[in-house]
Amino acid sequence: MELGRKLKFHRTVRSMTVRELAKKASCSNSLISQIEQNRVSPSFPKYTTLNRFPREWSRAKMYRLLPSELTSTFTALLLRLEKNGFTPVRRAPSSIKDFCVVLQGTVICCVGTEEYLLEPGETLLFDAIFPHQWFNHGEQVAEVLFTSPVAFQLFETVEKDLRWREHFRKTKRKMRRHGGPSSSADPSR
């Protein structure tokens, strides 16, 4: 998928307008539009700014530190938790080993039924297929660096895509059983 389509996909998944993204990336609406239509390529500093716009939750943000095109087999993310900040319970659709190091602050990470209290410099290796959630347990901003040997994808996006595909398959089977279009007349093949 080329850069423009990726940018538009991730912007729409986050329910952001072109104007909102342009404001976050400190550029014009027309530049975002031209990039999404693959009419222009952004400069490298602008490209890294666009790649770093965060995934946001309640007083928590996750930043991609490396452009995905440069790191197709490795991910580096920074989780920033404000005082009393936390992430929702998340889980990967498949087994992904995440290695994390606390850079500052005190955090609690819940993985499955286990709870880990981590201080600066402490590390955790866990499989993101298990439900996990992060909490800032201290009085200051906390930061956690994540590394993973796979390319970054939002779990929520992948799960949504997988649910849609399964729903589509089930609907197609029901239509065939009830006299709907046959597979040879199916335009999606």
Protein backbone atom coordinates (compact mmCIF):
# COMPACT_ATOMS: atom_id res chain seq x y z
CA MET A 1 0.00 0.00 0.00
CA GLU A 2 1.55 3.33 -0.99
CA LEU A 3 2.05 6.16 1.50
CA GLY A 4 -1.00 8.20 0.46
CA ARG A 5 -3.43 5.31 0.90
CA LYS A 6 -1.83 4.39 4.24
CA LEU A 7 -2.09 7.94 5.50
CA LYS A 8 -5.74 8.23 4.50
CA PHE A 9 -6.54 4.80 5.99
CA HIS A 10 -4.98 5.61 9.37
CA ARG A 11 -6.54 9.10 9.40
CA THR A 12 -10.04 7.72 8.76
CA VAL A 13 -9.60 4.87 11.28
CA ARG A 14 -8.97 7.57 13.88
CA SER A 15 -12.02 9.54 12.63
CA MET A 16 -9.81 12.54 11.89
CA THR A 17 -10.53 15.15 9.25
CA VAL A 18 -7.84 16.38 6.85
CA ARG A 19 -7.90 19.68 8.75
CA GLU A 20 -7.30 17.97 12.13
CA LEU A 21 -4.37 15.95 10.78
CA ALA A 22 -2.88 19.01 9.09
CA LYS A 23 -3.03 20.91 12.37
CA LYS A 24 -1.33 18.05 14.28
CA ALA A 25 1.35 17.72 11.59
CA SER A 26 1.83 21.53 11.32
CA CYS A 27 1.15 21.66 7.59
CA SER A 28 -1.60 22.77 5.22
CA ASN A 29 -4.82 20.90 4.45
CA SER A 30 -3.87 20.85 0.77
CA LEU A 31 -0.52 19.15 1.49
CA ILE A 32 -2.30 16.32 3.38
CA SER A 33 -4.80 15.99 0.52
CA GLN A 34 -2.03 15.90 -2.11
CA ILE A 35 -0.08 13.26 -0.12
CA GLU A 36 -3.23 11.12 0.23
CA GLN A 37 -3.77 11.33 -3.54
CA ASN A 38 -0.07 10.47 -4.14
CA ARG A 39 0.47 13.73 -6.03
CA VAL A 40 3.41 14.74 -3.84
CA SER A 41 5.79 13.04 -1.43
CA PRO A 42 6.42 14.72 1.92
CA SER A 43 9.90 15.78 2.99
CA PHE A 44 11.57 13.39 5.44
CA PRO A 45 10.97 15.66 8.52
CA LYS A 46 7.28 16.02 7.56
CA TYR A 47 7.07 12.28 6.85
CA THR A 48 8.31 11.39 10.35
CA THR A 49 5.90 13.93 11.86
CA LEU A 50 2.98 12.30 10.02
CA ASN A 51 4.11 8.84 11.12
CA ARG A 52 4.37 9.89 14.74
CA PHE A 53 0.87 11.21 15.27
CA PRO A 54 -0.29 9.38 18.36
CA ARG A 55 -2.89 6.85 19.26
CA GLU A 56 -4.69 8.60 22.12
CA TRP A 57 -6.61 7.31 25.13
CA SER A 58 -7.54 8.72 28.54
CA ARG A 59 -4.44 10.73 29.51
CA ALA A 60 -2.26 8.34 27.50
CA LYS A 61 -0.66 8.52 24.04
CA MET A 62 1.35 6.01 22.02
CA TYR A 63 3.82 7.34 19.44
CA ARG A 64 5.42 5.43 16.60
CA LEU A 65 9.13 6.30 16.74
CA LEU A 66 10.21 4.91 13.37
CA PRO A 67 8.52 5.26 9.97
CA SER A 68 6.82 1.98 9.02
CA GLU A 69 8.35 1.97 5.52
CA LEU A 70 11.85 1.97 7.04
CA THR A 71 11.04 -0.71 9.61
CA SER A 72 8.92 -3.41 8.04
CA THR A 73 10.28 -6.03 10.46
CA PHE A 74 10.77 -3.99 13.63
CA THR A 75 8.66 -1.60 15.70
CA ALA A 76 9.59 1.01 18.29
CA LEU A 77 6.79 2.77 20.17
CA LEU A 78 6.73 5.22 23.06
CA LEU A 79 3.83 5.12 25.52
CA ARG A 80 3.41 8.38 27.45
CA LEU A 81 1.08 8.25 30.47
CA GLU A 82 0.09 11.48 32.21
CA LYS A 83 -0.57 11.41 35.98
CA ASN A 84 -3.51 8.98 36.50
CA GLY A 85 -3.31 8.02 32.81
CA PHE A 86 -4.08 4.55 31.52
CA THR A 87 -4.65 2.59 28.33
CA PRO A 88 -7.70 0.48 27.57
CA VAL A 89 -7.40 -3.29 27.85
CA ARG A 90 -5.87 -4.36 24.54
CA ARG A 91 -4.76 -7.62 22.97
CA ALA A 92 -3.14 -8.56 19.68
CA PRO A 93 -5.03 -10.85 17.27
CA SER A 94 -1.96 -13.12 17.10
CA SER A 95 1.13 -13.86 19.19
CA ILE A 96 3.48 -10.83 19.32
CA LYS A 97 6.32 -10.58 21.81
CA ASP A 98 6.67 -7.03 23.20
CA PHE A 99 9.79 -5.99 25.07
CA CYS A 100 9.28 -2.88 27.20
CA VAL A 101 11.55 -0.69 29.31
CA VAL A 102 10.28 2.01 31.67
CA LEU A 103 12.11 5.24 30.87
CA GLN A 104 10.57 7.40 33.59
CA GLY A 105 7.84 7.23 36.21
CA THR A 106 6.25 4.25 37.91
CA VAL A 107 3.80 2.09 35.98
CA ILE A 108 1.62 -0.94 36.56
CA CYS A 109 1.20 -3.35 33.67
CA CYS A 110 -1.55 -5.96 33.89
CA VAL A 111 -1.02 -8.92 31.53
CA GLY A 112 -3.72 -11.58 31.75
CA THR A 113 -4.19 -12.15 35.48
CA GLU A 114 -0.67 -10.97 36.42
CA GLU A 115 0.17 -7.46 37.64
CA TYR A 116 3.67 -5.93 37.38
CA LEU A 117 4.86 -2.79 39.19
CA LEU A 118 7.73 -1.31 37.18
CA GLU A 119 10.19 1.49 38.02
CA PRO A 120 12.56 3.37 35.65
CA GLY A 121 15.05 1.00 34.05
CA GLU A 122 12.98 -2.11 34.70
CA THR A 123 11.90 -4.26 31.75
CA LEU A 124 9.07 -6.60 30.84
CA LEU A 125 8.74 -9.15 28.04
CA PHE A 126 5.19 -10.36 27.37
CA ASP A 127 3.02 -11.82 24.63
CA ALA A 128 0.55 -9.14 23.46
CA ILE A 129 -2.01 -11.82 22.55
CA PHE A 130 -2.94 -11.78 26.25
CA PRO A 131 -5.17 -8.91 27.42
CA HIS A 132 -2.93 -6.14 28.77
CA GLN A 133 -3.34 -2.66 30.20
CA TRP A 134 -0.95 0.07 31.46
CA PHE A 135 -1.48 2.50 34.35
CA ASN A 136 0.62 5.41 35.58
CA HIS A 137 1.09 4.60 39.28
CA GLY A 138 3.25 7.60 40.14
CA GLU A 139 2.99 11.35 40.62
CA GLN A 140 4.81 12.31 37.41
CA VAL A 141 4.53 11.56 33.70
CA ALA A 142 5.56 8.00 32.88
CA GLU A 143 7.15 6.83 29.62
CA VAL A 144 7.57 3.26 28.41
CA LEU A 145 9.56 2.25 25.32
CA PHE A 146 8.17 -0.77 23.42
CA THR A 147 10.07 -2.80 20.86
CA SER A 148 8.71 -5.66 18.85
CA PRO A 149 10.15 -7.82 16.05
CA VAL A 150 7.12 -7.15 13.83
CA ALA A 151 5.77 -4.17 11.91
CA PHE A 152 3.37 -1.95 13.85
CA GLN A 153 -0.38 -2.31 13.34
CA LEU A 154 -3.13 -1.05 15.58
CA PHE A 155 -4.73 -4.08 17.25
CA GLU A 156 -8.13 -2.40 17.07
CA THR A 157 -7.81 -1.90 13.29
CA VAL A 158 -6.75 -5.50 12.68
CA GLU A 159 -9.58 -6.83 14.86
CA LYS A 160 -12.12 -4.64 13.03
CA ASP A 161 -10.82 -5.87 9.66
CA LEU A 162 -10.94 -9.51 10.80
CA ARG A 163 -14.50 -9.13 12.15
CA TRP A 164 -15.59 -7.49 8.89
CA ARG A 165 -14.04 -10.29 6.80
CA GLU A 166 -15.73 -12.97 8.94
CA HIS A 167 -19.09 -11.18 8.71
CA PHE A 168 -18.65 -10.92 4.93
CA ARG A 169 -17.88 -14.68 4.65
CA LYS A 170 -20.91 -15.62 6.78
CA THR A 171 -23.20 -13.35 4.77
CA LYS A 172 -21.90 -14.85 1.53
CA ARG A 173 -22.55 -18.41 2.81
CA LYS A 174 -26.09 -17.49 3.92
CA MET A 175 -26.83 -15.97 0.51
CA ARG A 176 -25.63 -19.14 -1.25
CA ARG A 177 -27.74 -21.38 1.03
CA HIS A 178 -30.86 -19.28 0.44
CA GLY A 179 -30.57 -19.07 -3.33
CA GLY A 180 -28.39 -15.94 -3.50
CA PRO A 181 -25.72 -15.33 -6.13
CA SER A 182 -23.59 -18.36 -6.99
CA SER A 183 -19.84 -18.24 -6.60
CA SER A 184 -19.36 -18.00 -10.39
CA ALA A 185 -21.59 -14.92 -10.53
CA ASP A 186 -19.89 -13.35 -7.48
CA PRO A 187 -18.28 -10.07 -8.66
CA SER A 188 -15.86 -10.03 -5.72
CA ARG A 189 -13.92 -13.04 -7.08
